[in-house]
Amino acid sequence: MIPGGGRPPPDPRGTEPEAVLRAKYLDYCSAQVADILLLLSPDEMFVLAQDAAREAGVSGDMGYDQIVHLATGRVSRKLALPPFEVWAQDYEADPSRFDEQLMGFWESEVSSSDDDDRK
């Protein structure tokens, strides 16, 4: 628990707490997937979702939400994202390489975990 609330203090070695790094990593990965999805036309997204549905054994008509869900999962699996440990080392070596790629979701993730800690 963090006295007085707020974010965990930075590590004395100059690194960020692991909870913050993990939240930033998930934000980074989400941004990479979103970038790919935004490049797809609706037809390409549908074809990608159909392929993913076939692989998963899903049949029948798909609504928009299911198409996006399946396409997102497919892109996530196919995209070469670094494991957390590698990303964290790279991030801590030069945060500026990644900061503009983050969408900001990590901030709400960290503050919601702070709220959970205070309960």
C-alpha atoms as a PDB file:
ATOM      1  CA  MET A   1       0.000   0.000   0.000  1.00  0.00           C
ATOM      2  CA  ILE A   2       1.204   3.514  -0.765  1.00  0.00           C
ATOM      3  CA  PRO A   3       0.983   5.981   2.124  1.00  0.00           C
ATOM      4  CA  GLY A   4      -1.241   8.897   1.115  1.00  0.00           C
ATOM      5  CA  GLY A   5      -2.155   7.261  -2.223  1.00  0.00           C
ATOM      6  CA  GLY A   6      -0.634   8.110  -5.572  1.00  0.00           C
ATOM      7  CA  ARG A   7       1.898   6.251  -7.647  1.00  0.00           C
ATOM      8  CA  PRO A   8       4.544   4.015  -6.156  1.00  0.00           C
ATOM      9  CA  PRO A   9       7.829   5.873  -5.651  1.00  0.00           C
ATOM     10  CA  PRO A  10      10.565   5.264  -8.220  1.00  0.00           C
ATOM     11  CA  ASP A  11      13.092   2.591  -7.425  1.00  0.00           C
ATOM     12  CA  PRO A  12      16.211   4.118  -5.792  1.00  0.00           C
ATOM     13  CA  ARG A  13      18.281   2.823  -8.727  1.00  0.00           C
ATOM     14  CA  GLY A  14      16.337   5.196 -10.972  1.00  0.00           C
ATOM     15  CA  THR A  15      13.996   2.561 -12.380  1.00  0.00           C
ATOM     16  CA  GLU A  16      10.218   2.687 -12.228  1.00  0.00           C
ATOM     17  CA  PRO A  17       8.265   0.234 -10.041  1.00  0.00           C
ATOM     18  CA  GLU A  18       7.450  -3.029 -11.793  1.00  0.00           C
ATOM     19  CA  ALA A  19       3.690  -2.334 -11.629  1.00  0.00           C
ATOM     20  CA  VAL A  20       4.212   0.890 -13.607  1.00  0.00           C
ATOM     21  CA  LEU A  21       6.509  -0.834 -16.113  1.00  0.00           C
ATOM     22  CA  ARG A  22       3.995  -3.653 -16.628  1.00  0.00           C
ATOM     23  CA  ALA A  23       1.184  -1.148 -17.175  1.00  0.00           C
ATOM     24  CA  LYS A  24       3.332   0.750 -19.687  1.00  0.00           C
ATOM     25  CA  TYR A  25       4.246  -2.519 -21.424  1.00  0.00           C
ATOM     26  CA  LEU A  26       0.577  -3.461 -21.849  1.00  0.00           C
ATOM     27  CA  ASP A  27      -0.099   0.056 -23.135  1.00  0.00           C
ATOM     28  CA  TYR A  28       2.789  -0.277 -25.605  1.00  0.00           C
ATOM     29  CA  CYS A  29       1.563  -3.667 -26.849  1.00  0.00           C
ATOM     30  CA  SER A  30      -1.997  -2.349 -27.212  1.00  0.00           C
ATOM     31  CA  ALA A  31      -0.732   0.620 -29.219  1.00  0.00           C
ATOM     32  CA  GLN A  32       1.218  -1.670 -31.565  1.00  0.00           C
ATOM     33  CA  VAL A  33      -1.842  -3.838 -32.199  1.00  0.00           C
ATOM     34  CA  ALA A  34      -4.077  -0.779 -32.671  1.00  0.00           C
ATOM     35  CA  ASP A  35      -1.636   0.677 -35.208  1.00  0.00           C
ATOM     36  CA  ILE A  36      -1.903  -2.479 -37.316  1.00  0.00           C
ATOM     37  CA  LEU A  37      -5.700  -2.670 -37.040  1.00  0.00           C
ATOM     38  CA  LEU A  38      -6.056   0.957 -38.111  1.00  0.00           C
ATOM     39  CA  LEU A  39      -4.152   0.195 -41.309  1.00  0.00           C
ATOM     40  CA  LEU A  40      -6.707  -2.435 -42.324  1.00  0.00           C
ATOM     41  CA  SER A  41      -9.725  -1.715 -44.483  1.00  0.00           C
ATOM     42  CA  PRO A  42     -13.072  -3.093 -43.237  1.00  0.00           C
ATOM     43  CA  ASP A  43     -12.798  -5.874 -45.840  1.00  0.00           C
ATOM     44  CA  GLU A  44      -9.284  -6.798 -44.690  1.00  0.00           C
ATOM     45  CA  MET A  45     -10.450  -6.817 -41.050  1.00  0.00           C
ATOM     46  CA  PHE A  46     -13.335  -9.128 -41.993  1.00  0.00           C
ATOM     47  CA  VAL A  47     -11.035 -11.545 -43.858  1.00  0.00           C
ATOM     48  CA  LEU A  48      -8.604 -11.553 -40.926  1.00  0.00           C
ATOM     49  CA  ALA A  49     -11.483 -12.271 -38.523  1.00  0.00           C
ATOM     50  CA  GLN A  50     -12.796 -15.053 -40.780  1.00  0.00           C
ATOM     51  CA  ASP A  51      -9.359 -16.701 -40.781  1.00  0.00           C
ATOM     52  CA  ALA A  52      -9.145 -16.401 -36.997  1.00  0.00           C
ATOM     53  CA  ALA A  53     -12.680 -17.774 -36.600  1.00  0.00           C
ATOM     54  CA  ARG A  54     -11.842 -20.740 -38.812  1.00  0.00           C
ATOM     55  CA  GLU A  55      -8.693 -21.443 -36.730  1.00  0.00           C
ATOM     56  CA  ALA A  56     -10.717 -21.213 -33.504  1.00  0.00           C
ATOM     57  CA  GLY A  57     -13.532 -23.373 -34.828  1.00  0.00           C
ATOM     58  CA  VAL A  58     -16.052 -20.522 -34.554  1.00  0.00           C
ATOM     59  CA  SER A  59     -18.893 -20.701 -37.035  1.00  0.00           C
ATOM     60  CA  GLY A  60     -21.946 -18.670 -37.901  1.00  0.00           C
ATOM     61  CA  ASP A  61     -22.506 -15.011 -38.514  1.00  0.00           C
ATOM     62  CA  MET A  62     -20.179 -12.601 -36.774  1.00  0.00           C
ATOM     63  CA  GLY A  63     -21.191  -9.217 -35.464  1.00  0.00           C
ATOM     64  CA  TYR A  64     -18.896  -6.204 -35.535  1.00  0.00           C
ATOM     65  CA  ASP A  65     -17.676  -6.740 -31.956  1.00  0.00           C
ATOM     66  CA  GLN A  66     -16.766 -10.348 -32.660  1.00  0.00           C
ATOM     67  CA  ILE A  67     -14.978  -9.382 -35.884  1.00  0.00           C
ATOM     68  CA  VAL A  68     -12.885  -6.789 -34.049  1.00  0.00           C
ATOM     69  CA  HIS A  69     -12.221  -9.209 -31.170  1.00  0.00           C
ATOM     70  CA  LEU A  70     -11.065 -11.994 -33.500  1.00  0.00           C
ATOM     71  CA  ALA A  71      -8.965  -9.659 -35.671  1.00  0.00           C
ATOM     72  CA  THR A  72      -7.352  -8.139 -32.572  1.00  0.00           C
ATOM     73  CA  GLY A  73      -6.487 -11.568 -31.213  1.00  0.00           C
ATOM     74  CA  ARG A  74      -5.053 -12.661 -34.536  1.00  0.00           C
ATOM     75  CA  VAL A  75      -2.872  -9.538 -34.879  1.00  0.00           C
ATOM     76  CA  SER A  76      -1.729  -9.896 -31.250  1.00  0.00           C
ATOM     77  CA  ARG A  77      -0.587 -13.469 -31.855  1.00  0.00           C
ATOM     78  CA  LYS A  78       1.166 -12.708 -35.144  1.00  0.00           C
ATOM     79  CA  LEU A  79       2.842  -9.445 -34.150  1.00  0.00           C
ATOM     80  CA  ALA A  80       6.437  -9.862 -32.978  1.00  0.00           C
ATOM     81  CA  LEU A  81       6.272  -8.066 -29.629  1.00  0.00           C
ATOM     82  CA  PRO A  82       9.186  -8.359 -27.213  1.00  0.00           C
ATOM     83  CA  PRO A  83       8.713 -10.210 -23.930  1.00  0.00           C
ATOM     84  CA  PHE A  84       8.190  -7.928 -20.924  1.00  0.00           C
ATOM     85  CA  GLU A  85      11.725  -8.401 -19.572  1.00  0.00           C
ATOM     86  CA  VAL A  86      13.343  -7.358 -22.858  1.00  0.00           C
ATOM     87  CA  TRP A  87      10.975  -4.413 -23.326  1.00  0.00           C
ATOM     88  CA  ALA A  88      11.538  -3.225 -19.731  1.00  0.00           C
ATOM     89  CA  GLN A  89      15.326  -3.225 -20.213  1.00  0.00           C
ATOM     90  CA  ASP A  90      14.997  -1.298 -23.461  1.00  0.00           C
ATOM     91  CA  TYR A  91      12.493   1.117 -21.916  1.00  0.00           C
ATOM     92  CA  GLU A  92      14.660   1.861 -18.905  1.00  0.00           C
ATOM     93  CA  ALA A  93      17.704   2.389 -21.131  1.00  0.00           C
ATOM     94  CA  ASP A  94      15.844   5.041 -23.163  1.00  0.00           C
ATOM     95  CA  PRO A  95      12.215   5.817 -22.190  1.00  0.00           C
ATOM     96  CA  SER A  96      11.955   8.512 -24.864  1.00  0.00           C
ATOM     97  CA  ARG A  97      12.023   5.770 -27.535  1.00  0.00           C
ATOM     98  CA  PHE A  98       8.697   4.480 -26.221  1.00  0.00           C
ATOM     99  CA  ASP A  99       6.889   7.300 -24.436  1.00  0.00           C
ATOM    100  CA  GLU A 100       5.315   8.830 -27.533  1.00  0.00           C
ATOM    101  CA  GLN A 101       4.046   5.388 -28.579  1.00  0.00           C
ATOM    102  CA  LEU A 102       2.110   4.925 -25.333  1.00  0.00           C
ATOM    103  CA  MET A 103      -1.594   5.733 -25.486  1.00  0.00           C
ATOM    104  CA  GLY A 104      -1.861   6.704 -21.808  1.00  0.00           C
ATOM    105  CA  PHE A 105      -3.884   3.675 -20.708  1.00  0.00           C
ATOM    106  CA  TRP A 106      -1.083   2.775 -18.306  1.00  0.00           C
ATOM    107  CA  GLU A 107      -1.930   5.787 -16.123  1.00  0.00           C
ATOM    108  CA  SER A 108      -5.464   4.583 -15.439  1.00  0.00           C
ATOM    109  CA  GLU A 109      -4.160   1.058 -14.849  1.00  0.00           C
ATOM    110  CA  VAL A 110      -1.698   2.289 -12.232  1.00  0.00           C
ATOM    111  CA  SER A 111      -4.243   4.560 -10.532  1.00  0.00           C
ATOM    112  CA  SER A 112      -6.884   1.785 -10.451  1.00  0.00           C
ATOM    113  CA  SER A 113      -4.378  -0.573  -8.813  1.00  0.00           C
ATOM    114  CA  ASP A 114      -3.609   2.211  -6.324  1.00  0.00           C
ATOM    115  CA  ASP A 115      -7.325   2.446  -5.567  1.00  0.00           C
ATOM    116  CA  ASP A 116      -7.465  -1.335  -5.035  1.00  0.00           C
ATOM    117  CA  ASP A 117      -4.489  -1.111  -2.652  1.00  0.00           C
ATOM    118  CA  ARG A 118      -6.314   1.468  -0.530  1.00  0.00           C
ATOM    119  CA  LYS A 119      -9.363  -0.787  -0.001  1.00  0.00           C
END
